[in-house]
Amino acid sequence: STCSLEREENEEVVEWFLKSRDDFQAISSETVRTWPHRDETDGFY
């Protein structure tokens, strides 16, 4: 997780990791983003 809104720190990091490791897989149904303007929370990935 991060409290960043940036793809470079979020999706791109996870995509890079999964491409380099065949012993991990993402549980896609549990991937979450929150947004200050949509959710009235901090922005987390």
All heavy atoms as atom14 arrays in JSON, in Angstrom:
{
  "sequence": "STCSLEREENEEVVEWFLKSRDDFQAISSETVRTWPHRDETDGFY",
  "atom14_mask": [
    [1, 1, 1, 1, 1, 1, 0, 0, 0, 0, 0, 0, 0, 0],
    [1, 1, 1, 1, 1, 1, 1, 0, 0, 0, 0, 0, 0, 0],
    [1, 1, 1, 1, 1, 1, 0, 0, 0, 0, 0, 0, 0, 0],
    [1, 1, 1, 1, 1, 1, 0, 0, 0, 0, 0, 0, 0, 0],
    [1, 1, 1, 1, 1, 1, 1, 1, 0, 0, 0, 0, 0, 0],
    [1, 1, 1, 1, 1, 1, 1, 1, 1, 0, 0, 0, 0, 0],
    [1, 1, 1, 1, 1, 1, 1, 1, 1, 1, 1, 0, 0, 0],
    [1, 1, 1, 1, 1, 1, 1, 1, 1, 0, 0, 0, 0, 0],
    [1, 1, 1, 1, 1, 1, 1, 1, 1, 0, 0, 0, 0, 0],
    [1, 1, 1, 1, 1, 1, 1, 1, 0, 0, 0, 0, 0, 0],
    [1, 1, 1, 1, 1, 1, 1, 1, 1, 0, 0, 0, 0, 0],
    [1, 1, 1, 1, 1, 1, 1, 1, 1, 0, 0, 0, 0, 0],
    [1, 1, 1, 1, 1, 1, 1, 0, 0, 0, 0, 0, 0, 0],
    [1, 1, 1, 1, 1, 1, 1, 0, 0, 0, 0, 0, 0, 0],
    [1, 1, 1, 1, 1, 1, 1, 1, 1, 0, 0, 0, 0, 0],
    [1, 1, 1, 1, 1, 1, 1, 1, 1, 1, 1, 1, 1, 1],
    [1, 1, 1, 1, 1, 1, 1, 1, 1, 1, 1, 0, 0, 0],
    [1, 1, 1, 1, 1, 1, 1, 1, 0, 0, 0, 0, 0, 0],
    [1, 1, 1, 1, 1, 1, 1, 1, 1, 0, 0, 0, 0, 0],
    [1, 1, 1, 1, 1, 1, 0, 0, 0, 0, 0, 0, 0, 0],
    [1, 1, 1, 1, 1, 1, 1, 1, 1, 1, 1, 0, 0, 0],
    [1, 1, 1, 1, 1, 1, 1, 1, 0, 0, 0, 0, 0, 0],
    [1, 1, 1, 1, 1, 1, 1, 1, 0, 0, 0, 0, 0, 0],
    [1, 1, 1, 1, 1, 1, 1, 1, 1, 1, 1, 0, 0, 0],
    [1, 1, 1, 1, 1, 1, 1, 1, 1, 0, 0, 0, 0, 0],
    [1, 1, 1, 1, 1, 0, 0, 0, 0, 0, 0, 0, 0, 0],
    [1, 1, 1, 1, 1, 1, 1, 1, 0, 0, 0, 0, 0, 0],
    [1, 1, 1, 1, 1, 1, 0, 0, 0, 0, 0, 0, 0, 0],
    [1, 1, 1, 1, 1, 1, 0, 0, 0, 0, 0, 0, 0, 0],
    [1, 1, 1, 1, 1, 1, 1, 1, 1, 0, 0, 0, 0, 0],
    [1, 1, 1, 1, 1, 1, 1, 0, 0, 0, 0, 0, 0, 0],
    [1, 1, 1, 1, 1, 1, 1, 0, 0, 0, 0, 0, 0, 0],
    [1, 1, 1, 1, 1, 1, 1, 1, 1, 1, 1, 0, 0, 0],
    [1, 1, 1, 1, 1, 1, 1, 0, 0, 0, 0, 0, 0, 0],
    [1, 1, 1, 1, 1, 1, 1, 1, 1, 1, 1, 1, 1, 1],
    [1, 1, 1, 1, 1, 1, 1, 0, 0, 0, 0, 0, 0, 0],
    [1, 1, 1, 1, 1, 1, 1, 1, 1, 1, 0, 0, 0, 0],
    [1, 1, 1, 1, 1, 1, 1, 1, 1, 1, 1, 0, 0, 0],
    [1, 1, 1, 1, 1, 1, 1, 1, 0, 0, 0, 0, 0, 0],
    [1, 1, 1, 1, 1, 1, 1, 1, 1, 0, 0, 0, 0, 0],
    [1, 1, 1, 1, 1, 1, 1, 0, 0, 0, 0, 0, 0, 0],
    [1, 1, 1, 1, 1, 1, 1, 1, 0, 0, 0, 0, 0, 0],
    [1, 1, 1, 1, 0, 0, 0, 0, 0, 0, 0, 0, 0, 0],
    [1, 1, 1, 1, 1, 1, 1, 1, 1, 1, 1, 0, 0, 0],
    [1, 1, 1, 1, 1, 1, 1, 1, 1, 1, 1, 1, 0, 0]
  ],
  "atom14_positions": [
    [[0.83, -1.2, 0.0], [0.0, 0.0, 0.0], [0.86, 1.25, 0.0], [2.03, 1.22, 0.42], [-0.93, 0.01, 1.22], [-0.2, 0.2, 2.42], [0.0, 0.0, 0.0], [0.0, 0.0, 0.0], [0.0, 0.0, 0.0], [0.0, 0.0, 0.0], [0.0, 0.0, 0.0], [0.0, 0.0, 0.0], [0.0, 0.0, 0.0], [0.0, 0.0, 0.0]],
    [[0.28, 2.34, -0.49], [0.88, 3.66, -0.39], [-0.25, 4.67, -0.18], [-1.41, 4.39, -0.48], [1.66, 4.09, -1.65], [0.73, 4.47, -2.68], [2.58, 2.99, -2.16], [0.0, 0.0, 0.0], [0.0, 0.0, 0.0], [0.0, 0.0, 0.0], [0.0, 0.0, 0.0], [0.0, 0.0, 0.0], [0.0, 0.0, 0.0], [0.0, 0.0, 0.0]],
    [[0.12, 5.85, 0.29], [-0.83, 6.96, 0.35], [-0.51, 7.93, -0.79], [-0.57, 9.15, -0.63], [-0.82, 7.66, 1.7], [0.81, 8.23, 2.24], [0.0, 0.0, 0.0], [0.0, 0.0, 0.0], [0.0, 0.0, 0.0], [0.0, 0.0, 0.0], [0.0, 0.0, 0.0], [0.0, 0.0, 0.0], [0.0, 0.0, 0.0], [0.0, 0.0, 0.0]],
    [[-0.18, 7.36, -1.95], [0.12, 8.12, -3.16], [-0.98, 7.92, -4.19], [-1.6, 6.86, -4.25], [1.47, 7.67, -3.74], [1.64, 8.15, -5.06], [0.0, 0.0, 0.0], [0.0, 0.0, 0.0], [0.0, 0.0, 0.0], [0.0, 0.0, 0.0], [0.0, 0.0, 0.0], [0.0, 0.0, 0.0], [0.0, 0.0, 0.0], [0.0, 0.0, 0.0]],
    [[-1.17, 8.91, -5.04], [-2.12, 8.82, -6.14], [-1.46, 8.41, -7.45], [-2.15, 8.22, -8.46], [-2.81, 10.19, -6.35], [-3.57, 10.76, -5.17], [-4.05, 12.18, -5.5], [-4.75, 9.88, -4.79], [0.0, 0.0, 0.0], [0.0, 0.0, 0.0], [0.0, 0.0, 0.0], [0.0, 0.0, 0.0], [0.0, 0.0, 0.0], [0.0, 0.0, 0.0]],
    [[-0.15, 8.24, -7.44], [0.59, 8.1, -8.68], [0.75, 6.65, -9.13], [1.14, 5.8, -8.35], [1.98, 8.75, -8.53], [2.0, 10.06, -7.77], [0.99, 11.08, -8.28], [0.84, 11.21, -9.52], [0.34, 11.74, -7.46], [0.0, 0.0, 0.0], [0.0, 0.0, 0.0], [0.0, 0.0, 0.0], [0.0, 0.0, 0.0], [0.0, 0.0, 0.0]],
    [[0.49, 6.39, -10.41], [0.63, 5.03, -10.96], [2.06, 4.52, -10.82], [2.28, 3.33, -10.61], [0.23, 5.01, -12.44], [-1.27, 4.92, -12.7], [-1.54, 4.66, -14.17], [-0.87, 3.45, -14.63], [-1.36, 2.22, -14.54], [-2.54, 2.03, -13.99], [-0.69, 1.18, -15.01], [0.0, 0.0, 0.0], [0.0, 0.0, 0.0], [0.0, 0.0, 0.0]],
    [[3.05, 5.42, -10.94], [4.44, 4.99, -10.84], [4.74, 4.32, -9.51], [5.61, 3.44, -9.43], [5.4, 6.18, -11.0], [5.25, 6.96, -12.28], [4.42, 8.2, -12.1], [3.27, 8.08, -11.62], [4.93, 9.3, -12.42], [0.0, 0.0, 0.0], [0.0, 0.0, 0.0], [0.0, 0.0, 0.0], [0.0, 0.0, 0.0], [0.0, 0.0, 0.0]],
    [[4.04, 4.73, -8.47], [4.28, 4.2, -7.13], [3.32, 3.07, -6.77], [3.5, 2.42, -5.74], [4.14, 5.32, -6.09], [5.1, 6.46, -6.28], [4.91, 7.51, -5.21], [5.48, 7.34, -4.12], [4.18, 8.49, -5.46], [0.0, 0.0, 0.0], [0.0, 0.0, 0.0], [0.0, 0.0, 0.0], [0.0, 0.0, 0.0], [0.0, 0.0, 0.0]],
    [[2.33, 2.85, -7.6], [1.27, 1.9, -7.26], [1.17, 0.77, -8.26], [1.88, -0.23, -8.17], [-0.06, 2.66, -7.13], [-0.02, 3.66, -5.99], [0.56, 3.4, -4.94], [-0.63, 4.82, -6.18], [0.0, 0.0, 0.0], [0.0, 0.0, 0.0], [0.0, 0.0, 0.0], [0.0, 0.0, 0.0], [0.0, 0.0, 0.0], [0.0, 0.0, 0.0]],
    [[0.29, 0.9, -9.25], [0.08, -0.17, -10.22], [1.37, -0.61, -10.91], [1.6, -1.81, -11.11], [-0.96, 0.25, -11.27], [-2.37, 0.33, -10.76], [-2.75, 1.7, -10.2], [-1.82, 2.53, -9.99], [-3.94, 1.94, -9.97], [0.0, 0.0, 0.0], [0.0, 0.0, 0.0], [0.0, 0.0, 0.0], [0.0, 0.0, 0.0], [0.0, 0.0, 0.0]],
    [[2.19, 0.36, -11.28], [3.41, 0.01, -12.01], [4.4, -0.77, -11.14], [5.11, -1.66, -11.65], [4.05, 1.27, -12.59], [3.21, 1.9, -13.7], [3.85, 3.15, -14.28], [5.06, 3.38, -14.04], [3.14, 3.9, -14.98], [0.0, 0.0, 0.0], [0.0, 0.0, 0.0], [0.0, 0.0, 0.0], [0.0, 0.0, 0.0], [0.0, 0.0, 0.0]],
    [[4.46, -0.48, -9.86], [5.32, -1.23, -8.95], [4.83, -2.67, -8.83], [5.61, -3.63, -8.93], [5.37, -0.56, -7.56], [6.05, -1.48, -6.54], [6.1, 0.77, -7.63], [0.0, 0.0, 0.0], [0.0, 0.0, 0.0], [0.0, 0.0, 0.0], [0.0, 0.0, 0.0], [0.0, 0.0, 0.0], [0.0, 0.0, 0.0], [0.0, 0.0, 0.0]],
    [[3.53, -2.83, -8.63], [2.97, -4.18, -8.48], [3.09, -4.97, -9.78], [3.43, -6.17, -9.77], [1.5, -4.09, -8.01], [0.84, -5.47, -8.04], [1.43, -3.51, -6.6], [0.0, 0.0, 0.0], [0.0, 0.0, 0.0], [0.0, 0.0, 0.0], [0.0, 0.0, 0.0], [0.0, 0.0, 0.0], [0.0, 0.0, 0.0], [0.0, 0.0, 0.0]],
    [[2.82, -4.34, -10.9], [2.94, -5.03, -12.2], [4.37, -5.49, -12.44], [4.61, -6.62, -12.9], [2.49, -4.09, -13.32], [0.99, -3.84, -13.34], [0.58, -2.66, -14.21], [1.49, -2.1, -14.89], [-0.61, -2.3, -14.21], [0.0, 0.0, 0.0], [0.0, 0.0, 0.0], [0.0, 0.0, 0.0], [0.0, 0.0, 0.0], [0.0, 0.0, 0.0]],
    [[5.33, -4.62, -12.11], [6.74, -5.0, -12.26], [7.06, -6.2, -11.38], [7.74, -7.15, -11.82], [7.62, -3.81, -11.86], [9.08, -4.15, -11.77], [10.0, -4.12, -12.78], [9.78, -4.61, -10.6], [11.23, -4.52, -12.31], [11.13, -4.83, -10.98], [9.4, -4.84, -9.28], [12.08, -5.27, -10.07], [10.36, -5.29, -8.39], [11.68, -5.5, -8.79]],
    [[6.59, -6.18, -10.13], [6.88, -7.27, -9.19], [6.29, -8.59, -9.69], [6.96, -9.63, -9.68], [6.31, -6.92, -7.82], [6.43, -8.03, -6.81], [7.64, -8.3, -6.19], [5.33, -8.81, -6.48], [7.76, -9.33, -5.27], [5.44, -9.83, -5.54], [6.65, -10.09, -4.94], [0.0, 0.0, 0.0], [0.0, 0.0, 0.0], [0.0, 0.0, 0.0]],
    [[5.06, -8.57, -10.13], [4.4, -9.81, -10.56], [5.03, -10.38, -11.83], [5.06, -11.61, -12.03], [2.91, -9.56, -10.78], [2.1, -9.27, -9.51], [0.66, -8.92, -9.85], [2.15, -10.46, -8.55], [0.0, 0.0, 0.0], [0.0, 0.0, 0.0], [0.0, 0.0, 0.0], [0.0, 0.0, 0.0], [0.0, 0.0, 0.0], [0.0, 0.0, 0.0]],
    [[5.56, -9.52, -12.68], [6.26, -10.0, -13.88], [7.57, -10.68, -13.52], [8.04, -11.57, -14.25], [6.52, -8.83, -14.83], [5.29, -8.35, -15.58], [5.65, -7.19, -16.5], [4.41, -6.69, -17.24], [4.72, -5.52, -18.1], [0.0, 0.0, 0.0], [0.0, 0.0, 0.0], [0.0, 0.0, 0.0], [0.0, 0.0, 0.0], [0.0, 0.0, 0.0]],
    [[8.16, -10.29, -12.4], [9.45, -10.84, -12.01], [9.33, -12.04, -11.07], [10.33, -12.7, -10.78], [10.3, -9.76, -11.32], [9.71, -9.36, -10.09], [0.0, 0.0, 0.0], [0.0, 0.0, 0.0], [0.0, 0.0, 0.0], [0.0, 0.0, 0.0], [0.0, 0.0, 0.0], [0.0, 0.0, 0.0], [0.0, 0.0, 0.0], [0.0, 0.0, 0.0]],
    [[8.11, -12.33, -10.6], [7.9, -13.42, -9.65], [6.73, -14.29, -10.1], [5.61, -13.81, -10.26], [7.58, -12.85, -8.25], [8.65, -11.97, -7.64], [9.83, -12.77, -7.17], [9.5, -13.68, -6.1], [9.92, -13.53, -4.84], [10.67, -12.48, -4.51], [9.61, -14.41, -3.91], [0.0, 0.0, 0.0], [0.0, 0.0, 0.0], [0.0, 0.0, 0.0]],
    [[7.0, -15.59, -10.28], [5.91, -16.5, -10.63], [5.32, -17.19, -9.41], [4.42, -18.03, -9.52], [6.36, -17.54, -11.66], [7.54, -18.39, -11.16], [7.91, -18.26, -9.96], [8.09, -19.16, -11.96], [0.0, 0.0, 0.0], [0.0, 0.0, 0.0], [0.0, 0.0, 0.0], [0.0, 0.0, 0.0], [0.0, 0.0, 0.0], [0.0, 0.0, 0.0]],
    [[5.8, -16.83, -8.21], [5.29, -17.45, -6.99], [4.3, -16.53, -6.26], [3.88, -16.83, -5.13], [6.42, -17.84, -6.04], [7.33, -16.67, -5.67], [7.34, -15.67, -6.41], [8.02, -16.76, -4.63], [0.0, 0.0, 0.0], [0.0, 0.0, 0.0], [0.0, 0.0, 0.0], [0.0, 0.0, 0.0], [0.0, 0.0, 0.0], [0.0, 0.0, 0.0]],
    [[3.91, -15.43, -6.89], [2.9, -14.53, -6.32], [1.84, -14.23, -7.37], [2.14, -14.14, -8.56], [3.52, -13.21, -5.86], [4.15, -13.26, -4.5], [5.48, -13.65, -4.35], [3.43, -12.91, -3.36], [6.07, -13.7, -3.1], [4.01, -12.96, -2.1], [5.33, -13.35, -1.97], [0.0, 0.0, 0.0], [0.0, 0.0, 0.0], [0.0, 0.0, 0.0]],
    [[0.63, -14.06, -6.91], [-0.43, -13.59, -7.78], [-1.29, -12.56, -7.04], [-1.42, -12.63, -5.82], [-1.31, -14.74, -8.29], [-2.14, -15.42, -7.22], [-2.99, -16.54, -7.78], [-2.67, -17.12, -8.83], [-4.09, -16.86, -7.1], [0.0, 0.0, 0.0], [0.0, 0.0, 0.0], [0.0, 0.0, 0.0], [0.0, 0.0, 0.0], [0.0, 0.0, 0.0]],
    [[-1.83, -11.63, -7.8], [-2.68, -10.61, -7.2], [-4.08, -11.14, -6.97], [-4.62, -11.89, -7.8], [-2.74, -9.38, -8.1], [0.0, 0.0, 0.0], [0.0, 0.0, 0.0], [0.0, 0.0, 0.0], [0.0, 0.0, 0.0], [0.0, 0.0, 0.0], [0.0, 0.0, 0.0], [0.0, 0.0, 0.0], [0.0, 0.0, 0.0], [0.0, 0.0, 0.0]],
    [[-4.66, -10.8, -5.83], [-6.08, -11.07, -5.59], [-6.81, -9.82, -6.08], [-7.02, -8.86, -5.33], [-6.36, -11.34, -4.1], [-5.46, -12.48, -3.6], [-7.82, -11.68, -3.87], [-5.6, -12.76, -2.11], [0.0, 0.0, 0.0], [0.0, 0.0, 0.0], [0.0, 0.0, 0.0], [0.0, 0.0, 0.0], [0.0, 0.0, 0.0], [0.0, 0.0, 0.0]],
    [[-7.17, -9.83, -7.36], [-7.63, -8.61, -8.01], [-8.89, -8.04, -7.37], [-9.09, -6.81, -7.37], [-7.89, -8.86, -9.5], [-8.8, -9.93, -9.67], [0.0, 0.0, 0.0], [0.0, 0.0, 0.0], [0.0, 0.0, 0.0], [0.0, 0.0, 0.0], [0.0, 0.0, 0.0], [0.0, 0.0, 0.0], [0.0, 0.0, 0.0], [0.0, 0.0, 0.0]],
    [[-9.72, -8.89, -6.79], [-10.96, -8.41, -6.18], [-10.7, -7.56, -4.94], [-11.59, -6.85, -4.47], [-11.86, -9.6, -5.8], [-11.21, -10.42, -4.85], [0.0, 0.0, 0.0], [0.0, 0.0, 0.0], [0.0, 0.0, 0.0], [0.0, 0.0, 0.0], [0.0, 0.0, 0.0], [0.0, 0.0, 0.0], [0.0, 0.0, 0.0], [0.0, 0.0, 0.0]],
    [[-9.46, -7.62, -4.41], [-9.14, -6.86, -3.2], [-8.27, -5.64, -3.47], [-7.86, -4.95, -2.54], [-8.48, -7.78, -2.18], [-9.39, -8.92, -1.71], [-8.98, -9.45, -0.35], [-8.69, -8.63, 0.53], [-8.97, -10.68, -0.21], [0.0, 0.0, 0.0], [0.0, 0.0, 0.0], [0.0, 0.0, 0.0], [0.0, 0.0, 0.0], [0.0, 0.0, 0.0]],
    [[-7.96, -5.38, -4.73], [-7.23, -4.16, -5.07], [-8.15, -2.95, -4.89], [-9.29, -2.96, -5.35], [-6.73, -4.2, -6.52], [-5.83, -5.3, -6.67], [-6.0, -2.91, -6.88], [0.0, 0.0, 0.0], [0.0, 0.0, 0.0], [0.0, 0.0, 0.0], [0.0, 0.0, 0.0], [0.0, 0.0, 0.0], [0.0, 0.0, 0.0], [0.0, 0.0, 0.0]],
    [[-7.67, -1.94, -4.19], [-8.51, -0.79, -3.83], [-7.75, 0.5, -4.06], [-6.55, 0.59, -3.82], [-8.93, -0.86, -2.34], [-9.75, 0.37, -1.96], [-9.72, -2.11, -2.06], [0.0, 0.0, 0.0], [0.0, 0.0, 0.0], [0.0, 0.0, 0.0], [0.0, 0.0, 0.0], [0.0, 0.0, 0.0], [0.0, 0.0, 0.0], [0.0, 0.0, 0.0]],
    [[-8.48, 1.51, -4.53], [-8.0, 2.89, -4.53], [-9.05, 3.75, -3.84], [-10.25, 3.56, -4.05], [-7.8, 3.42, -5.96], [-6.36, 3.37, -6.47], [-6.3, 4.13, -7.78], [-5.0, 4.12, -8.42], [-4.08, 5.07, -8.24], [-4.31, 6.06, -7.4], [-2.94, 5.02, -8.9], [0.0, 0.0, 0.0], [0.0, 0.0, 0.0], [0.0, 0.0, 0.0]],
    [[-8.62, 4.67, -3.01], [-9.52, 5.65, -2.43], [-9.08, 7.04, -2.86], [-7.9, 7.27, -3.14], [-9.55, 5.57, -0.89], [-8.22, 5.81, -0.38], [-10.04, 4.2, -0.43], [0.0, 0.0, 0.0], [0.0, 0.0, 0.0], [0.0, 0.0, 0.0], [0.0, 0.0, 0.0], [0.0, 0.0, 0.0], [0.0, 0.0, 0.0], [0.0, 0.0, 0.0]],
    [[-10.05, 7.97, -2.89], [-9.79, 9.31, -3.43], [-10.38, 10.38, -2.52], [-11.52, 10.23, -2.05], [-10.41, 9.45, -4.82], [-9.93, 8.45, -5.81], [-10.43, 7.19, -6.01], [-8.86, 8.61, -6.73], [-9.72, 6.56, -7.01], [-8.76, 7.4, -7.47], [-7.97, 9.65, -7.01], [-7.81, 7.22, -8.46], [-7.03, 9.47, -8.01], [-6.95, 8.27, -8.72]],
    [[-9.66, 11.48, -2.31], [-10.21, 12.57, -1.49], [-11.53, 13.12, -2.03], [-12.45, 13.39, -1.26], [-9.1, 13.63, -1.53], [-7.84, 12.85, -1.76], [-8.25, 11.73, -2.67], [0.0, 0.0, 0.0], [0.0, 0.0, 0.0], [0.0, 0.0, 0.0], [0.0, 0.0, 0.0], [0.0, 0.0, 0.0], [0.0, 0.0, 0.0], [0.0, 0.0, 0.0]],
    [[-11.63, 13.3, -3.35], [-12.82, 13.93, -3.92], [-13.97, 12.97, -4.13], [-15.12, 13.4, -4.24], [-12.48, 14.62, -5.25], [-11.96, 13.7, -6.31], [-10.82, 12.95, -6.14], [-12.41, 13.41, -7.56], [-10.59, 12.25, -7.24], [-11.54, 12.5, -8.11], [0.0, 0.0, 0.0], [0.0, 0.0, 0.0], [0.0, 0.0, 0.0], [0.0, 0.0, 0.0]],
    [[-13.71, 11.68, -4.15], [-14.79, 10.7, -4.33], [-15.23, 10.09, -3.0], [-16.43, 9.85, -2.79], [-14.33, 9.57, -5.25], [-13.96, 9.98, -6.65], [-13.56, 8.75, -7.44], [-12.93, 9.08, -8.72], [-12.38, 8.17, -9.51], [-12.38, 6.88, -9.16], [-11.81, 8.53, -10.65], [0.0, 0.0, 0.0], [0.0, 0.0, 0.0], [0.0, 0.0, 0.0]],
    [[-14.29, 9.82, -2.14], [-14.57, 9.06, -0.92], [-14.46, 9.88, 0.36], [-14.76, 9.37, 1.44], [-13.61, 7.86, -0.82], [-13.66, 6.98, -2.05], [-14.76, 6.53, -2.39], [-12.61, 6.76, -2.66], [0.0, 0.0, 0.0], [0.0, 0.0, 0.0], [0.0, 0.0, 0.0], [0.0, 0.0, 0.0], [0.0, 0.0, 0.0], [0.0, 0.0, 0.0]],
    [[-14.0, 11.13, 0.26], [-13.76, 11.97, 1.43], [-12.78, 11.32, 2.4], [-12.92, 11.4, 3.62], [-15.07, 12.32, 2.15], [-16.01, 13.18, 1.34], [-17.24, 13.59, 2.15], [-17.83, 12.72, 2.84], [-17.59, 14.77, 2.1], [0.0, 0.0, 0.0], [0.0, 0.0, 0.0], [0.0, 0.0, 0.0], [0.0, 0.0, 0.0], [0.0, 0.0, 0.0]],
    [[-11.8, 10.63, 1.85], [-10.73, 10.02, 2.64], [-9.4, 10.45, 2.02], [-9.36, 11.11, 0.97], [-10.8, 8.48, 2.6], [-10.46, 8.04, 1.27], [-12.18, 7.98, 2.96], [0.0, 0.0, 0.0], [0.0, 0.0, 0.0], [0.0, 0.0, 0.0], [0.0, 0.0, 0.0], [0.0, 0.0, 0.0], [0.0, 0.0, 0.0], [0.0, 0.0, 0.0]],
    [[-8.3, 10.05, 2.67], [-7.02, 10.19, 2.0], [-6.96, 9.27, 0.79], [-7.7, 8.29, 0.7], [-5.88, 9.85, 2.96], [-5.6, 10.97, 3.96], [-6.1, 12.09, 3.75], [-4.9, 10.72, 4.95], [0.0, 0.0, 0.0], [0.0, 0.0, 0.0], [0.0, 0.0, 0.0], [0.0, 0.0, 0.0], [0.0, 0.0, 0.0], [0.0, 0.0, 0.0]],
    [[-6.09, 9.61, -0.14], [-5.94, 8.78, -1.33], [-4.95, 7.66, -1.08], [-3.76, 7.89, -0.88], [0.0, 0.0, 0.0], [0.0, 0.0, 0.0], [0.0, 0.0, 0.0], [0.0, 0.0, 0.0], [0.0, 0.0, 0.0], [0.0, 0.0, 0.0], [0.0, 0.0, 0.0], [0.0, 0.0, 0.0], [0.0, 0.0, 0.0], [0.0, 0.0, 0.0]],
    [[-5.45, 6.42, -1.07], [-4.61, 5.25, -0.84], [-4.74, 4.27, -1.99], [-5.78, 4.21, -2.67], [-5.03, 4.52, 0.45], [-4.26, 4.93, 1.68], [-4.6, 6.07, 2.38], [-3.2, 4.17, 2.14], [-3.91, 6.45, 3.51], [-2.5, 4.54, 3.27], [-2.85, 5.67, 3.97], [0.0, 0.0, 0.0], [0.0, 0.0, 0.0], [0.0, 0.0, 0.0]],
    [[-3.69, 3.5, -2.18], [-3.7, 2.36, -3.1], [-3.36, 1.12, -2.28], [-2.43, 1.15, -1.47], [-2.67, 2.54, -4.21], [-2.46, 1.31, -5.07], [-3.32, 1.01, -6.12], [-1.4, 0.44, -4.84], [-3.13, -0.11, -6.92], [-1.18, -0.68, -5.62], [-2.05, -0.94, -6.67], [-1.85, -2.07, -7.44], [0.0, 0.0, 0.0], [0.0, 0.0, 0.0]]
  ]
}
